[in-house]
Every structure is written in structure tokens, then in C-alpha cells.
Amino acid sequence: MKNNDWKKRDGVVYSTSDNFEFQTGEEESEKTLASNQQNLKVLLDKKARAGKKVTLIEGFIGSDEDLKELGKMLKNKCGVGGSAKDGEILIQGDHRDKVLQVLQAAGYKAKKSGG
């Protein structure tokens, strides 16, 4: 155990069990599914964004590194900014058709969702 690991034990007072091992809650990163097993939804969202439209890609299952890599590729193909976090990719503007084509060309199962 590292020197600062005790700080992560917030709320644990004492255990009388001989074989007790504290779990910090930091789990292994999720294994990324193959692109043909991913079911992605591409939708247009403008809630809580001051009326600006963003293309939202949901349903990615995998590590944050792979999510950010896919987000970077989509941003480059569309020529706009965006972000990738919490299992979602945001692309600035309405680029649903372009994103759908790029994802399907890369082997992902992607479909339009919403209006």
C-alpha cells in the first residue's frame, strides 16, 4: 500500500475481521468491445446548451482512452470541436449524417436516434 492510500479510506473506522481487505473503489478499466459489437446511437441535442446544437454519440462500452480516441477521430472528420467523457461523445453542430457514415465505415453498429 502506498503512503497516501490511507486518505482514500474515508468512512472506514475499524474492522475486527482477520481477512478484511479494504477496496478503494478504483476498478480496472472497462474492456473495450470490438467495433462490430458496439451499438451506438447518434442524436441531436440542444438541451442546456444555450440553444446551440450538438451531435451526441451514446452507448460506447470501453475504456476512456478508446472513447477519447474515437472522439478525436470523429472531430477530425467533421472539422469541429467537441468532447468525449462519461461514455458519450459530443460533436459541435448538427453532423449526424456525417458521423453516422464515419462510424459505419469504421465498422461500428450505429443508428440515428430521436428527431
Protein backbone atom coordinates (compact mmCIF):
# COMPACT_ATOMS: atom_id res chain seq x y z
CA MET A 1 0.00 0.00 0.00
CA LYS A 2 1.30 3.46 -0.89
CA ASN A 3 1.81 6.18 1.69
CA ASN A 4 -1.24 8.23 0.67
CA ASP A 5 -3.67 5.31 0.23
CA TRP A 6 -4.97 5.74 3.77
CA LYS A 7 -6.58 9.03 2.70
CA LYS A 8 -8.95 7.08 0.42
CA ARG A 9 -10.40 5.21 3.40
CA ASP A 10 -12.92 7.91 4.24
CA GLY A 11 -15.70 6.45 6.39
CA VAL A 12 -13.88 3.25 7.44
CA VAL A 13 -13.29 3.25 11.16
CA TYR A 14 -12.15 -0.25 12.18
CA SER A 15 -12.61 -3.89 11.21
CA THR A 16 -12.19 -6.89 13.52
CA SER A 17 -12.05 -9.38 10.65
CA ASP A 18 -8.66 -11.05 10.17
CA ASN A 19 -9.06 -11.35 6.39
CA PHE A 20 -10.56 -7.90 5.75
CA GLU A 21 -9.06 -6.08 2.77
CA PHE A 22 -10.15 -2.54 2.03
CA GLN A 23 -11.38 -1.89 -1.52
CA THR A 24 -10.68 1.65 -2.70
CA GLY A 25 -13.37 1.53 -5.36
CA GLU A 26 -10.89 2.06 -8.16
CA GLU A 27 -11.87 -0.69 -10.56
CA GLU A 28 -9.98 -1.95 -13.55
CA SER A 29 -10.75 0.00 -16.71
CA GLU A 30 -13.59 -1.46 -18.69
CA LYS A 31 -12.57 -3.68 -21.58
CA THR A 32 -13.45 -2.12 -24.91
CA LEU A 33 -15.80 -4.14 -27.08
CA ALA A 34 -14.92 -4.71 -30.73
CA SER A 35 -16.31 -2.09 -33.10
CA ASN A 36 -18.82 -4.51 -34.65
CA GLN A 37 -20.24 -5.25 -31.16
CA GLN A 38 -20.79 -1.60 -30.23
CA ASN A 39 -24.40 -0.34 -30.52
CA LEU A 40 -24.05 3.41 -30.83
CA LYS A 41 -26.86 5.96 -31.00
CA VAL A 42 -26.32 9.20 -32.90
CA LEU A 43 -28.68 12.00 -31.92
CA LEU A 44 -29.07 15.76 -31.97
CA ASP A 45 -29.16 17.52 -28.62
CA LYS A 46 -29.64 21.16 -27.69
CA LYS A 47 -30.74 20.96 -24.06
CA ALA A 48 -28.85 23.15 -21.58
CA ARG A 49 -26.54 24.43 -24.32
CA ALA A 50 -27.93 27.94 -24.83
CA GLY A 51 -29.82 26.79 -27.95
CA LYS A 52 -26.70 25.51 -29.70
CA LYS A 53 -26.95 22.10 -31.36
CA VAL A 54 -24.55 19.25 -30.71
CA THR A 55 -24.34 15.77 -32.18
CA LEU A 56 -24.31 13.27 -29.33
CA ILE A 57 -23.00 9.71 -29.66
CA GLU A 58 -24.13 7.39 -26.84
CA GLY A 59 -23.70 3.74 -25.99
CA PHE A 60 -19.90 3.33 -26.20
CA ILE A 61 -18.66 0.49 -23.99
CA GLY A 62 -14.97 0.57 -23.22
CA SER A 63 -12.08 2.46 -21.69
CA ASP A 64 -11.84 6.24 -21.54
CA GLU A 65 -8.73 6.17 -23.73
CA ASP A 66 -10.58 4.37 -26.54
CA LEU A 67 -13.56 6.71 -26.16
CA LYS A 68 -11.30 9.75 -26.48
CA GLU A 69 -9.56 8.22 -29.49
CA LEU A 70 -12.90 7.67 -31.25
CA GLY A 71 -13.99 11.20 -30.32
CA LYS A 72 -10.78 12.65 -31.72
CA MET A 73 -11.26 10.77 -34.99
CA LEU A 74 -14.87 11.99 -35.32
CA LYS A 75 -13.91 15.60 -34.53
CA ASN A 76 -11.17 15.47 -37.18
CA LYS A 77 -13.53 14.01 -39.82
CA CYS A 78 -16.17 16.68 -39.12
CA GLY A 79 -13.65 19.51 -38.73
CA VAL A 80 -15.20 20.78 -35.48
CA GLY A 81 -14.60 20.68 -31.74
CA GLY A 82 -16.22 18.54 -29.11
CA SER A 83 -15.54 16.35 -26.11
CA ALA A 84 -15.54 12.72 -25.04
CA LYS A 85 -16.34 11.71 -21.46
CA ASP A 86 -18.69 9.56 -19.36
CA GLY A 87 -19.38 7.17 -22.24
CA GLU A 88 -20.60 9.97 -24.54
CA ILE A 89 -19.05 11.90 -27.40
CA LEU A 90 -20.21 15.44 -28.17
CA ILE A 91 -19.53 16.95 -31.59
CA GLN A 92 -20.33 20.64 -32.00
CA GLY A 93 -23.07 21.31 -34.56
CA ASP A 94 -25.51 19.08 -36.44
CA HIS A 95 -23.28 16.43 -38.06
CA ARG A 96 -25.49 13.36 -37.60
CA ASP A 97 -25.27 12.12 -41.20
CA LYS A 98 -21.50 12.58 -41.44
CA VAL A 99 -20.90 10.92 -38.04
CA LEU A 100 -23.17 8.02 -38.99
CA GLN A 101 -21.24 7.45 -42.24
CA VAL A 102 -17.85 7.61 -40.49
CA LEU A 103 -18.91 5.22 -37.72
CA GLN A 104 -20.38 2.69 -40.14
CA ALA A 105 -17.27 2.90 -42.35
CA ALA A 106 -15.17 2.14 -39.25
CA GLY A 107 -17.25 -0.99 -38.57
CA TYR A 108 -19.49 0.29 -35.77
CA LYS A 109 -23.18 -0.56 -35.49
CA ALA A 110 -24.59 2.96 -35.41
CA LYS A 111 -28.09 4.30 -35.95
CA LYS A 112 -29.88 7.60 -35.72
CA SER A 113 -31.99 8.13 -32.66
CA GLY A 114 -34.50 10.84 -31.80
CA GLY A 115 -35.95 13.52 -34.07
